[in-house]
Amino acid sequence: MKIEKIFIIISLLLIPIYILNATNNIIHISVAYLEDKRVPSISNKDIKKIISSAKDELYIKFGTKNIIFDYKGKKNIKSFFKKYLKKNSKFYKNLAIYKLNLRKNHIDYEQFKPEIIKFLKQWKLWDLKDFFPPDIKSKISSYDDIVYYLFKIYEKKVNILKNLKFKGRFIIDKSKDSVNSYINWLTVMYFQNRYDIVFSNTLIVYDNIVAPYPHAVLRYAKVGGSSFESPKRKIFDGTSSMVNLFEMLTPLKYFKSKKIDYSLSREKWDDIIGRFIMAHEMGHMIYLIPDVYDHPKGCLMDSSYMNMDYYEGYKILLKYPFQCPKCKVWVDARNTHFYADSLFNKKNYKDAIFYYKKAIKQTPRKLDIDYNKYISLLYYKISLSFYKLNDINNAKKYLKKSLSLFPENKKSNYLKELINEK
């Protein structure tokens, strides 16, 4: 085996995560602000206030401790996209099939309808109906109806976004390299290797046809924040997140809500962004909790109709400063995973195996990321632990389980090579 290949394999066999809530290990999270200079921006002082509020809210809702945010300052968004938007990649090409064409006024979704319905069936029909105004809600009796009315409004919202101007210039760039495309953001964040969390003030159109989240599509058809798959960021096993500031900074009347008191101070807005948006996205990133529509009031991860307004949602969080009992299953499962990682790092491989297996049993089927990929990762870690114990038979057994769930798991495939050459 070549020396270079050995070094690649060794780097992939490391387990870098530490438990958040029960040890003295400090996790450093890299943060940057990807600034679009065409639209209103925000100061570094405000970004630091937002981070502080998010940290407080994470502790209140999940008991999250031991995190230090390393803020790297403002970066040019176009330069970042130029470096990491790899349109020739298999990752981008697989997504581009479902990318909304911003040059057209009509959304061609019929060919993807089975996939869309499968996506929407994650939620109960009556929970989805609550996103629509009363006159439409009364007409909905099936998921087909949901799709019809969802895309009717989706199309209207996107066409409004495409015609918005700031200082005489269109805000939306319709080119394939657009920083305003969510599909492009998914690609950029997949290939970037520098940050765990990014802020941005640009307007991001939600252009993923087959995953039309109602809380995003029906509000403004834009992205207020997101979690991403970022394999090169190792802290949380390859996840990252983004906090979007556009709506809180723009003077455009289209985004003004009658419910919001716009005389609120900048400091108050920083608190709203930190607690309601950033902490929510980190709930996805750290604990893999999906967007939920049926959790109790005060749940940080609830994206239901009542929480579609940032200020209203923020006030609910303050009114109910408690941990959500329904989120506990995700938090417990991830903390078990983190604990297993800490045991692995202490070379206590036998106990690590026990807790990795426990994490698999605890993990809910519905995650913010792909369930099979995640469970494949846990089986890989079990296999690696057996490998460290020189128990090759069990290492092969769990490696087989890992690859059966996700054949393209790079870590598992490298470990397979290593075992086969023993």
Protein backbone atom coordinates (compact mmCIF):
# COMPACT_ATOMS: atom_id res chain seq x y z
CA MET A 1 0.00 0.00 0.00
CA LYS A 2 1.40 3.44 -0.91
CA ILE A 3 2.55 5.70 1.96
CA GLU A 4 0.24 8.52 0.84
CA LYS A 5 -2.74 6.17 0.93
CA ILE A 6 -1.84 5.04 4.44
CA PHE A 7 -1.89 8.64 5.66
CA ILE A 8 -5.30 9.21 4.06
CA ILE A 9 -6.65 6.09 5.73
CA ILE A 10 -5.23 7.02 9.14
CA SER A 11 -6.78 10.51 8.94
CA LEU A 12 -10.19 8.97 8.18
CA LEU A 13 -9.93 6.58 11.12
CA LEU A 14 -9.86 9.39 13.68
CA ILE A 15 -12.94 10.15 15.80
CA PRO A 16 -12.90 13.90 16.55
CA ILE A 17 -16.20 14.49 18.40
CA TYR A 18 -16.38 15.02 22.16
CA ILE A 19 -19.44 14.83 24.38
CA LEU A 20 -20.87 18.29 24.95
CA ASN A 21 -22.67 18.06 28.24
CA ALA A 22 -20.72 15.80 30.57
CA THR A 23 -16.97 16.44 30.21
CA ASN A 24 -14.53 19.32 30.36
CA ASN A 25 -13.63 19.00 26.69
CA ILE A 26 -13.96 22.31 24.88
CA ILE A 27 -15.25 22.33 21.31
CA HIS A 28 -14.12 25.18 19.08
CA ILE A 29 -16.60 26.05 16.36
CA SER A 30 -15.31 28.08 13.42
CA VAL A 31 -17.67 30.92 12.37
CA ALA A 32 -17.53 33.44 9.50
CA TYR A 33 -19.73 36.09 7.91
CA LEU A 34 -20.11 35.70 4.12
CA GLU A 35 -21.01 39.25 3.20
CA ASP A 36 -22.93 40.37 0.12
CA LYS A 37 -22.02 44.04 -0.33
CA ARG A 38 -24.98 44.68 -2.65
CA VAL A 39 -27.48 44.63 0.24
CA PRO A 40 -27.60 45.97 3.84
CA SER A 41 -25.07 44.45 6.20
CA ILE A 42 -24.28 44.21 9.93
CA SER A 43 -21.26 44.85 12.18
CA ASN A 44 -18.88 42.32 13.70
CA LYS A 45 -20.03 43.52 17.13
CA ASP A 46 -23.60 42.50 16.29
CA ILE A 47 -22.47 39.09 15.03
CA LYS A 48 -20.74 38.46 18.36
CA LYS A 49 -23.93 39.44 20.24
CA ILE A 50 -25.96 37.02 18.09
CA ILE A 51 -23.51 34.23 18.87
CA SER A 52 -23.72 34.96 22.60
CA SER A 53 -27.55 34.79 22.55
CA ALA A 54 -27.51 31.54 20.58
CA LYS A 55 -25.14 30.00 23.10
CA ASP A 56 -27.49 30.95 25.95
CA GLU A 57 -30.53 29.51 24.17
CA LEU A 58 -28.76 26.24 23.38
CA TYR A 59 -28.01 25.81 27.06
CA ILE A 60 -31.64 26.56 28.03
CA LYS A 61 -33.20 24.22 25.45
CA PHE A 62 -30.67 21.39 25.28
CA GLY A 63 -28.22 21.86 28.15
CA THR A 64 -25.44 22.37 25.59
CA LYS A 65 -22.12 23.34 27.18
CA ASN A 66 -18.40 23.48 26.40
CA ILE A 67 -18.66 25.32 23.07
CA ILE A 68 -16.42 28.22 22.08
CA PHE A 69 -17.27 30.12 18.89
CA ASP A 70 -14.14 31.23 17.01
CA TYR A 71 -15.37 34.13 14.89
CA LYS A 72 -13.15 34.66 11.82
CA GLY A 73 -14.73 37.92 10.67
CA LYS A 74 -16.22 38.99 7.32
CA LYS A 75 -15.42 37.18 4.08
CA ASN A 76 -16.36 37.98 0.47
CA ILE A 77 -19.26 35.76 -0.53
CA LYS A 78 -18.48 35.75 -4.26
CA SER A 79 -14.89 34.63 -3.66
CA PHE A 80 -16.15 31.88 -1.37
CA PHE A 81 -18.60 30.64 -4.00
CA LYS A 82 -15.99 30.81 -6.75
CA LYS A 83 -13.75 28.52 -4.74
CA TYR A 84 -16.29 25.94 -3.56
CA LEU A 85 -19.16 25.89 -6.08
CA LYS A 86 -18.02 22.76 -7.92
CA LYS A 87 -20.61 22.39 -10.66
CA ASN A 88 -18.78 19.53 -12.34
CA SER A 89 -19.10 17.42 -9.21
CA LYS A 90 -21.44 14.46 -8.89
CA PHE A 91 -22.90 16.12 -5.78
CA TYR A 92 -23.99 19.24 -7.69
CA LYS A 93 -25.22 17.34 -10.74
CA ASN A 94 -27.46 15.15 -8.56
CA LEU A 95 -29.03 18.27 -7.05
CA ALA A 96 -29.24 20.30 -10.24
CA ILE A 97 -31.91 17.92 -11.56
CA TYR A 98 -34.28 19.35 -8.94
CA LYS A 99 -33.16 22.96 -9.19
CA LEU A 100 -35.85 25.53 -9.87
CA ASN A 101 -35.14 27.48 -13.07
CA LEU A 102 -35.09 31.15 -12.05
CA ARG A 103 -35.30 32.22 -15.69
CA LYS A 104 -38.81 30.75 -16.00
CA ASN A 105 -42.01 32.07 -14.48
CA HIS A 106 -43.50 28.59 -14.09
CA ILE A 107 -42.31 25.80 -11.78
CA ASP A 108 -42.26 22.45 -13.62
CA TYR A 109 -42.89 20.08 -10.73
CA GLU A 110 -45.21 17.41 -12.21
CA GLN A 111 -42.40 14.97 -13.07
CA PHE A 112 -41.23 15.12 -9.43
CA LYS A 113 -44.67 14.81 -7.86
CA PRO A 114 -44.17 11.29 -6.38
CA GLU A 115 -40.95 12.44 -4.68
CA ILE A 116 -42.62 15.62 -3.43
CA ILE A 117 -45.54 13.69 -1.91
CA LYS A 118 -43.13 11.24 -0.27
CA PHE A 119 -41.28 14.21 1.23
CA LEU A 120 -44.49 15.84 2.51
CA LYS A 121 -45.72 12.60 4.07
CA GLN A 122 -43.13 13.10 6.80
CA TRP A 123 -45.85 15.21 8.39
CA LYS A 124 -49.51 14.63 9.08
CA LEU A 125 -51.97 16.12 6.63
CA TRP A 126 -53.68 18.31 9.23
CA ASP A 127 -50.35 19.79 10.36
CA LEU A 128 -49.55 20.78 6.77
CA LYS A 129 -53.03 22.26 6.24
CA ASP A 130 -52.38 24.75 9.05
CA PHE A 131 -49.81 26.56 6.90
CA PHE A 132 -52.45 27.67 4.41
CA PRO A 133 -54.96 30.55 4.72
CA PRO A 134 -58.54 29.52 5.72
CA ASP A 135 -59.99 29.79 2.20
CA ILE A 136 -57.45 27.29 0.84
CA LYS A 137 -57.30 25.12 3.96
CA SER A 138 -61.01 24.25 3.59
CA LYS A 139 -60.33 22.88 0.08
CA ILE A 140 -57.53 20.50 1.12
CA SER A 141 -58.40 16.84 1.68
CA SER A 142 -55.31 15.01 0.38
CA TYR A 143 -51.55 15.32 -0.16
CA ASP A 144 -52.27 15.91 -3.85
CA ASP A 145 -54.22 19.01 -2.81
CA ILE A 146 -51.29 20.10 -0.61
CA VAL A 147 -48.92 19.85 -3.60
CA TYR A 148 -51.27 21.76 -5.91
CA TYR A 149 -51.81 24.72 -3.59
CA LEU A 150 -48.25 24.65 -2.25
CA PHE A 151 -46.73 25.08 -5.70
CA LYS A 152 -49.32 27.60 -6.78
CA ILE A 153 -48.20 29.88 -3.93
CA TYR A 154 -44.54 28.85 -4.30
CA GLU A 155 -44.50 30.00 -7.91
CA LYS A 156 -46.08 33.33 -7.01
CA LYS A 157 -43.59 33.97 -4.20
CA VAL A 158 -40.54 33.14 -6.33
CA ASN A 159 -41.69 35.48 -9.11
CA ILE A 160 -42.01 38.28 -6.57
CA LEU A 161 -38.45 37.64 -5.33
CA LYS A 162 -37.08 37.73 -8.88
CA ASN A 163 -38.46 41.23 -9.42
CA LEU A 164 -37.28 42.77 -6.15
CA LYS A 165 -34.83 45.65 -6.46
CA PHE A 166 -32.55 47.42 -4.00
CA LYS A 167 -31.11 50.80 -5.00
CA GLY A 168 -32.31 50.25 -8.55
CA ARG A 169 -30.67 46.83 -8.99
CA PHE A 170 -32.27 43.39 -9.03
CA ILE A 171 -31.37 41.51 -5.87
CA ILE A 172 -31.64 38.05 -7.43
CA ASP A 173 -28.85 36.92 -9.72
CA LYS A 174 -30.35 34.39 -12.17
CA SER A 175 -27.02 32.98 -13.34
CA LYS A 176 -25.94 29.40 -12.63
CA ASP A 177 -23.27 30.69 -10.23
CA SER A 178 -25.80 32.69 -8.23
CA VAL A 179 -25.16 33.25 -4.51
CA ASN A 180 -28.98 33.52 -4.28
CA SER A 181 -29.58 29.83 -5.07
CA TYR A 182 -30.11 27.39 -2.19
CA ILE A 183 -28.96 24.45 -4.35
CA ASN A 184 -25.71 26.33 -4.90
CA TRP A 185 -25.42 26.88 -1.14
CA LEU A 186 -25.87 23.15 -0.52
CA THR A 187 -22.98 22.51 -2.92
CA VAL A 188 -20.68 25.21 -1.56
CA MET A 189 -21.18 24.10 2.02
CA TYR A 190 -20.62 20.47 1.04
CA PHE A 191 -17.17 21.20 -0.41
CA GLN A 192 -15.98 23.98 1.92
CA ASN A 193 -13.54 22.98 4.66
CA ARG A 194 -13.21 26.14 6.75
CA TYR A 195 -16.35 26.89 8.77
CA ASP A 196 -18.91 25.13 10.96
CA ILE A 197 -21.31 28.07 10.93
CA VAL A 198 -21.65 30.90 8.44
CA PHE A 199 -23.73 34.06 8.54
CA SER A 200 -24.87 35.77 5.35
CA ASN A 201 -26.91 38.83 4.47
CA THR A 202 -27.72 37.77 0.90
CA LEU A 203 -31.22 36.78 -0.22
CA ILE A 204 -31.37 33.01 -0.80
CA VAL A 205 -34.20 31.60 -2.93
CA TYR A 206 -35.40 28.18 -1.80
CA ASP A 207 -35.06 26.43 -5.16
CA ASN A 208 -35.10 22.72 -4.23
CA ILE A 209 -38.29 21.50 -5.92
CA VAL A 210 -38.44 18.01 -4.37
CA ALA A 211 -38.12 19.16 -0.75
CA PRO A 212 -40.63 22.04 -0.45
CA TYR A 213 -40.66 22.76 3.29
CA PRO A 214 -44.01 24.53 3.84
CA HIS A 215 -42.62 26.94 6.45
CA ALA A 216 -40.02 28.14 3.91
CA VAL A 217 -42.02 28.00 0.68
CA LEU A 218 -45.25 29.59 1.91
CA ARG A 219 -43.66 32.41 3.85
CA TYR A 220 -41.39 34.05 1.26
CA ALA A 221 -39.91 31.09 -0.67
CA LYS A 222 -36.54 32.05 0.73
CA VAL A 223 -34.12 30.56 3.23
CA GLY A 224 -33.88 32.00 6.74
CA GLY A 225 -31.26 29.51 7.87
CA SER A 226 -30.13 26.00 7.12
CA SER A 227 -28.05 23.03 8.17
CA PHE A 228 -25.75 21.36 5.66
CA GLU A 229 -23.74 18.27 4.97
CA SER A 230 -20.07 19.32 5.18
CA PRO A 231 -17.89 16.19 5.18
CA LYS A 232 -14.65 18.14 5.61
CA ARG A 233 -15.85 19.70 8.87
CA LYS A 234 -15.19 17.00 11.45
CA ILE A 235 -16.51 18.49 14.71
CA PHE A 236 -20.06 17.15 14.39
CA ASP A 237 -19.28 14.32 11.96
CA GLY A 238 -19.56 16.49 8.89
CA THR A 239 -22.39 18.95 9.46
CA SER A 240 -22.51 22.75 9.33
CA SER A 241 -25.14 25.50 9.43
CA MET A 242 -25.98 28.93 8.06
CA VAL A 243 -27.80 31.90 9.60
CA ASN A 244 -29.39 34.26 7.09
CA LEU A 245 -29.75 37.93 8.06
CA PHE A 246 -31.43 39.31 4.95
CA GLU A 247 -34.96 39.62 6.26
CA MET A 248 -33.87 41.37 9.47
CA LEU A 249 -31.75 43.92 7.60
CA THR A 250 -33.69 44.73 4.42
CA PRO A 251 -35.77 47.94 4.22
CA LEU A 252 -38.00 46.39 1.51
CA LYS A 253 -41.69 46.66 2.45
CA TYR A 254 -42.50 43.21 1.08
CA PHE A 255 -40.75 41.63 4.08
CA LYS A 256 -42.31 43.86 6.73
CA SER A 257 -44.73 42.14 9.10
CA LYS A 258 -47.60 43.95 10.86
CA LYS A 259 -46.86 41.91 13.98
CA ILE A 260 -43.33 43.23 14.43
CA ASP A 261 -42.40 46.37 16.31
CA TYR A 262 -39.74 47.87 14.01
CA SER A 263 -38.69 50.34 16.67
CA LEU A 264 -36.88 47.46 18.40
CA SER A 265 -33.21 48.19 19.07
CA ARG A 266 -30.41 46.59 17.08
CA GLU A 267 -29.41 44.74 20.26
CA LYS A 268 -32.92 43.26 20.55
CA TRP A 269 -32.80 42.11 16.92
CA ASP A 270 -29.43 40.49 17.60
CA ASP A 271 -31.05 38.57 20.45
CA ILE A 272 -33.94 37.47 18.20
CA ILE A 273 -31.54 36.22 15.50
CA GLY A 274 -29.36 34.42 18.03
CA ARG A 275 -32.10 32.69 19.99
CA PHE A 276 -34.72 32.05 17.33
CA ILE A 277 -32.65 31.46 14.19
CA MET A 278 -29.04 30.57 15.01
CA ALA A 279 -29.85 28.30 17.97
CA HIS A 280 -32.52 26.57 15.84
CA GLU A 281 -30.04 25.85 13.04
CA MET A 282 -27.54 24.55 15.57
CA GLY A 283 -30.24 22.22 16.91
CA HIS A 284 -30.26 20.71 13.42
CA MET A 285 -26.47 20.66 13.16
CA ILE A 286 -25.60 19.26 16.60
CA TYR A 287 -28.58 17.09 17.53
CA LEU A 288 -29.93 16.31 14.03
CA ILE A 289 -33.45 17.30 15.07
CA PRO A 290 -35.59 17.85 11.96
CA ASP A 291 -38.06 20.69 11.49
CA VAL A 292 -41.13 19.72 13.51
CA TYR A 293 -44.70 21.01 13.38
CA ASP A 294 -46.30 19.28 16.36
CA HIS A 295 -44.09 20.01 19.38
CA PRO A 296 -45.21 21.99 22.46
CA LYS A 297 -45.03 25.76 22.68
CA GLY A 298 -41.53 26.99 23.35
CA CYS A 299 -39.86 24.21 21.35
CA LEU A 300 -36.81 25.68 19.62
CA MET A 301 -37.18 23.32 16.66
CA ASP A 302 -40.89 23.98 16.02
CA SER A 303 -41.42 25.49 12.57
CA SER A 304 -45.20 25.45 12.76
CA TYR A 305 -47.52 28.18 11.51
CA MET A 306 -47.51 30.15 14.75
CA ASN A 307 -43.72 30.38 14.66
CA MET A 308 -43.41 31.55 11.06
CA ASP A 309 -42.94 35.13 12.27
CA TYR A 310 -39.50 35.59 13.82
CA TYR A 311 -40.60 38.06 16.49
CA GLU A 312 -43.66 36.03 17.51
CA GLY A 313 -41.57 32.88 17.68
CA TYR A 314 -38.92 34.66 19.74
CA LYS A 315 -41.49 35.85 22.27
CA ILE A 316 -42.78 32.26 22.63
CA LEU A 317 -39.24 31.04 23.34
CA LEU A 318 -38.87 33.63 26.12
CA LYS A 319 -42.26 32.74 27.57
CA TYR A 320 -41.39 29.02 27.78
CA PRO A 321 -37.71 28.80 28.82
CA PHE A 322 -37.77 25.02 29.19
CA GLN A 323 -36.40 21.96 27.42
CA CYS A 324 -38.87 20.41 24.97
CA PRO A 325 -39.83 16.87 26.10
CA LYS A 326 -40.39 15.75 22.50
CA CYS A 327 -36.89 16.85 21.43
CA LYS A 328 -35.35 14.77 24.21
CA VAL A 329 -35.14 11.58 22.13
CA TRP A 330 -32.82 13.25 19.60
CA VAL A 331 -30.74 14.97 22.27
CA ASP A 332 -30.32 11.74 24.27
CA ALA A 333 -29.36 9.75 21.17
CA ARG A 334 -26.72 12.28 20.12
CA ASN A 335 -25.33 12.62 23.63
CA THR A 336 -24.96 8.83 23.76
CA HIS A 337 -23.08 9.05 20.45
CA PHE A 338 -20.88 11.85 21.79
CA TYR A 339 -20.18 9.85 24.94
CA ALA A 340 -19.16 6.84 22.87
CA ASP A 341 -16.76 9.10 20.94
CA SER A 342 -15.20 10.34 24.17
CA LEU A 343 -14.67 6.72 25.29
CA PHE A 344 -13.12 5.90 21.91
CA ASN A 345 -10.73 8.83 22.23
CA LYS A 346 -9.67 7.47 25.63
CA LYS A 347 -9.01 4.10 23.94
CA ASN A 348 -11.80 2.49 25.93
CA TYR A 349 -13.00 0.68 22.82
CA LYS A 350 -15.08 -2.00 24.54
CA ASP A 351 -17.32 0.52 26.32
CA ALA A 352 -17.40 2.72 23.21
CA ILE A 353 -18.91 -0.20 21.28
CA PHE A 354 -21.65 -0.59 23.90
CA TYR A 355 -22.63 3.09 23.66
CA TYR A 356 -22.44 3.22 19.86
CA LYS A 357 -24.90 0.31 19.78
CA LYS A 358 -27.08 2.11 22.30
CA ALA A 359 -27.01 5.26 20.15
CA ILE A 360 -28.24 3.24 17.16
CA LYS A 361 -31.20 1.95 19.19
CA GLN A 362 -32.01 5.43 20.52
CA THR A 363 -31.81 7.30 17.20
CA PRO A 364 -35.24 8.26 15.76
CA ARG A 365 -35.92 7.31 12.13
CA LYS A 366 -36.63 10.91 11.24
CA LEU A 367 -33.45 13.01 11.26
CA ASP A 368 -32.35 16.30 9.78
CA ILE A 369 -29.86 14.28 7.72
CA ASP A 370 -30.14 10.98 5.86
CA TYR A 371 -30.92 8.24 8.41
CA ASN A 372 -29.09 5.45 6.54
CA LYS A 373 -25.92 7.52 6.17
CA TYR A 374 -25.96 8.36 9.87
CA ILE A 375 -26.51 4.79 11.07
CA SER A 376 -23.84 3.66 8.58
CA LEU A 377 -21.45 6.05 10.35
CA LEU A 378 -22.27 4.54 13.75
CA TYR A 379 -21.73 1.00 12.44
CA TYR A 380 -18.42 2.18 10.99
CA LYS A 381 -17.37 3.43 14.41
CA ILE A 382 -18.31 0.09 15.98
CA SER A 383 -16.27 -1.69 13.31
CA LEU A 384 -13.32 0.62 13.89
CA SER A 385 -13.50 -0.01 17.65
CA PHE A 386 -13.39 -3.78 17.07
CA TYR A 387 -10.48 -3.23 14.67
CA LYS A 388 -8.63 -1.36 17.41
CA LEU A 389 -9.27 -4.36 19.70
CA ASN A 390 -7.82 -6.60 16.97
CA ASP A 391 -11.19 -8.40 16.72
CA ILE A 392 -11.20 -8.65 12.93
CA ASN A 393 -14.25 -10.91 12.63
CA ASN A 394 -16.52 -8.45 14.43
CA ALA A 395 -14.86 -5.56 12.62
CA LYS A 396 -15.86 -7.17 9.31
CA LYS A 397 -19.37 -7.94 10.60
CA TYR A 398 -20.19 -4.32 11.46
CA LEU A 399 -18.35 -2.97 8.45
CA LYS A 400 -20.69 -5.05 6.30
CA LYS A 401 -23.69 -3.48 8.09
CA SER A 402 -22.24 -0.01 7.53
CA LEU A 403 -21.75 -0.54 3.81
CA SER A 404 -25.13 -2.20 3.37
CA LEU A 405 -26.77 1.04 4.52
CA PHE A 406 -24.46 3.40 2.63
CA PRO A 407 -22.15 1.70 0.08
CA GLU A 408 -20.37 4.99 -0.66
CA ASN A 409 -19.24 5.51 2.95
CA LYS A 410 -15.60 6.55 2.36
CA LYS A 411 -14.46 5.80 5.88
CA SER A 412 -15.90 2.30 5.78
CA ASN A 413 -14.37 1.59 2.39
CA TYR A 414 -10.94 2.73 3.53
CA LEU A 415 -11.25 0.61 6.65
CA LYS A 416 -12.24 -2.32 4.46
CA GLU A 417 -9.03 -1.88 2.45
CA LEU A 418 -7.01 -1.73 5.63
CA ILE A 419 -8.57 -4.93 7.00
CA ASN A 420 -8.18 -6.79 3.70
CA GLU A 421 -4.47 -5.98 3.56
CA LYS A 422 -3.81 -7.26 7.07
